[in-house]
Protein backbone atom coordinates (compact mmCIF):
# COMPACT_ATOMS: atom_id res chain seq x y z
CA UNK A 1 92.56 -35.33 84.95
CA UNK A 2 89.96 -32.76 84.70
CA UNK A 3 88.93 -31.44 81.32
CA UNK A 4 87.92 -27.83 81.03
CA UNK A 5 84.66 -26.71 79.71
CA UNK A 6 84.51 -26.09 75.94
CA UNK A 7 84.24 -22.51 74.73
CA UNK A 8 81.23 -22.34 72.35
CA UNK A 9 81.63 -18.74 71.29
CA UNK A 10 83.21 -19.40 67.84
CA UNK A 11 82.27 -21.16 64.62
CA UNK A 12 83.45 -24.58 63.65
CA UNK A 13 85.40 -25.09 60.46
CA UNK A 14 82.44 -26.92 58.92
CA UNK A 15 80.10 -24.01 59.65
CA UNK A 16 82.54 -21.56 58.04
CA UNK A 17 82.90 -23.75 54.94
CA UNK A 18 79.13 -23.98 54.55
CA UNK A 19 78.75 -20.19 54.81
CA UNK A 20 81.56 -19.65 52.27
CA UNK A 21 79.91 -22.13 49.88
CA UNK A 22 76.53 -20.39 50.20
CA UNK A 23 78.10 -16.96 49.60
CA UNK A 24 79.91 -18.36 46.55
CA UNK A 25 76.71 -19.80 45.07
CA UNK A 26 74.82 -16.54 45.62
CA UNK A 27 77.71 -14.56 44.07
CA UNK A 28 77.79 -16.82 41.00
CA UNK A 29 74.04 -16.40 40.53
CA UNK A 30 74.43 -12.62 40.83
CA UNK A 31 77.23 -12.55 38.24
CA UNK A 32 75.16 -14.64 35.81
CA UNK A 33 72.16 -12.34 36.27
CA UNK A 34 74.38 -9.27 35.76
CA UNK A 35 75.87 -10.71 32.54
CA UNK A 36 72.39 -11.52 31.22
CA UNK A 37 71.24 -8.00 32.05
CA UNK A 38 74.28 -6.48 30.29
CA UNK A 39 73.66 -8.50 27.11
CA UNK A 40 70.03 -7.37 27.06
CA UNK A 41 71.15 -3.77 27.60
CA UNK A 42 73.55 -4.06 24.66
CA UNK A 43 70.74 -5.33 22.42
CA UNK A 44 68.55 -2.39 23.46
CA UNK A 45 71.45 -0.04 22.68
CA UNK A 46 71.82 -1.62 19.22
CA UNK A 47 68.12 -1.13 18.48
CA UNK A 48 68.32 2.53 19.52
CA UNK A 49 71.35 3.10 17.30
CA UNK A 50 69.72 1.26 14.40
CA UNK A 51 66.66 3.53 14.68
CA UNK A 52 68.90 6.59 14.29
CA UNK A 53 70.67 5.04 11.31
CA UNK A 54 67.32 4.06 9.76
CA UNK A 55 66.11 7.67 9.99
CA UNK A 56 69.32 8.82 8.30
CA UNK A 57 68.86 6.24 5.52
CA UNK A 58 65.22 7.32 5.06
CA UNK A 59 66.36 10.95 4.75
CA UNK A 60 69.03 9.90 2.24
CA UNK A 61 66.40 7.96 0.27
CA UNK A 62 64.00 10.92 0.30
CA UNK A 63 66.65 13.25 -1.15
CA UNK A 64 68.41 10.91 -3.58
CA UNK A 65 65.99 8.02 -4.19
CA UNK A 66 68.92 5.77 -3.25
CA UNK A 67 69.84 3.57 -0.32
CA UNK A 68 73.46 3.11 0.73
CA UNK A 69 75.52 1.39 -1.93
CA UNK A 70 74.15 3.31 -3.80
CA UNK A 71 71.16 1.06 -4.37
CA UNK A 72 67.82 2.20 -5.81
CA UNK A 73 65.21 2.36 -3.06
CA UNK A 74 63.07 -0.77 -2.94
CA UNK A 75 65.39 -2.95 -5.03
CA UNK A 76 67.19 -5.88 -3.54
CA UNK A 77 70.69 -6.27 -4.90
CA UNK A 78 74.07 -7.64 -3.99
CA UNK A 79 75.59 -4.28 -3.01
CA UNK A 80 76.16 -4.60 0.71
CA UNK A 81 77.82 -1.79 2.62
CA UNK A 82 79.85 -3.20 5.49
CA UNK A 83 81.04 0.21 6.72
CA UNK A 84 78.37 2.92 6.88
CA UNK A 85 80.99 5.66 7.36
CA UNK A 86 82.23 5.29 3.75
CA UNK A 87 81.20 7.52 0.83
CA UNK A 88 79.30 4.68 -0.82
CA UNK A 89 76.98 4.61 2.20
CA UNK A 90 76.05 8.25 1.62
CA UNK A 91 75.21 8.99 5.24
CA UNK A 92 78.20 11.08 6.37
CA UNK A 93 79.63 11.93 2.96
CA UNK A 94 78.69 10.81 -0.51
CA UNK A 95 80.13 9.70 -3.80
CA UNK A 96 79.00 11.48 -6.98
CA UNK A 97 76.55 8.63 -7.62
CA UNK A 98 74.14 10.20 -5.11
CA UNK A 99 72.35 12.98 -6.97
CA UNK A 100 70.57 15.61 -4.85
CA UNK A 101 72.61 14.58 -1.80
CA UNK A 102 71.91 17.00 1.04
CA UNK A 103 73.79 15.39 3.92
CA UNK A 104 75.33 14.55 6.19
CA UNK A 105 72.26 12.71 7.42
CA UNK A 106 73.68 11.63 10.77
CA UNK A 107 76.42 13.06 13.01
CA UNK A 108 78.30 9.80 13.43
CA UNK A 109 77.95 6.06 12.95
CA UNK A 110 79.11 4.41 16.18
CA UNK A 111 80.42 0.88 16.54
CA UNK A 112 77.99 -1.61 18.01
CA UNK A 113 78.49 -2.57 21.68
CA UNK A 114 80.68 -5.53 20.64
CA UNK A 115 83.04 -3.31 18.63
CA UNK A 116 81.80 -4.14 15.11
CA UNK A 117 80.58 -1.79 12.39
CA UNK A 118 76.91 -1.59 11.50
CA UNK A 119 76.03 -2.80 8.00
CA UNK A 120 73.49 -2.30 5.24
CA UNK A 121 72.45 -5.40 3.30
CA UNK A 122 69.86 -4.98 0.53
CA UNK A 123 69.35 -8.74 0.14
CA UNK A 124 69.32 -10.12 3.68
CA UNK A 125 67.32 -13.32 4.10
CA UNK A 126 64.88 -13.75 6.98
CA UNK A 127 62.84 -16.97 6.94
CA UNK A 128 63.55 -17.40 3.23
CA UNK A 129 62.37 -13.90 2.34
CA UNK A 130 64.69 -11.19 1.04
CA UNK A 131 64.76 -7.80 2.80
CA UNK A 132 66.85 -4.66 2.87
CA UNK A 133 68.19 -4.31 6.41
CA UNK A 134 70.61 -2.43 8.56
CA UNK A 135 72.14 -4.39 11.35
CA UNK A 136 74.75 -5.59 13.79
CA UNK A 137 76.50 -8.92 13.61
CA UNK A 138 75.80 -9.38 17.32
CA UNK A 139 77.97 -10.80 20.09
CA UNK A 140 79.65 -13.48 17.96
CA UNK A 141 80.66 -10.93 15.28
CA UNK A 142 79.95 -13.38 12.42
CA UNK A 143 80.14 -11.14 9.41
CA UNK A 144 79.50 -10.65 5.72
CA UNK A 145 76.67 -12.90 4.58
CA UNK A 146 77.01 -15.37 7.47
CA UNK A 147 73.49 -14.96 8.75
CA UNK A 148 72.92 -16.40 12.18
CA UNK A 149 70.54 -16.13 15.08
CA UNK A 150 72.46 -13.49 17.02
CA UNK A 151 72.38 -10.88 14.23
CA UNK A 152 70.30 -7.87 15.20
CA UNK A 153 68.67 -6.31 12.15
CA UNK A 154 66.08 -3.70 11.33
CA UNK A 155 64.12 -4.06 8.11
CA UNK A 156 63.94 -0.96 5.93
CA UNK A 157 60.63 -0.02 4.33
CA UNK A 158 60.54 -0.96 0.64
CA UNK A 159 59.23 2.41 -0.48
């Protein structure tokens, strides 16, 4: 019996499995890098939005000598504002407690990239020190006085 000569033009099953495994590993690395990039981009977006909100709060403070709440500028207090679109924030509309209000001070207050509202906290603790901040609760959306490492905050000037 004569055996024919083997055709070597194709790939073996083992070679195909190795190529598929390599492509899978490279794809997984690409997806992880993309997700990391997207989270960094969201944090940059939050900082840009917080800068706009900070300018609006500074304008509000200049006109009324009050921060959202209303809270006297420079005083730490327990009058957080968890929704900056409300009248007590004074940025889009204002309660009668804001004298000399000349707003609106910003066109809109967007949600953060994770779908949460930005907040104002006049007694936010950072390394044991108390600050007035505006911020986002970050990717984990832990809210209302549950400070954690993924919060993104911007400290307001005291005067």
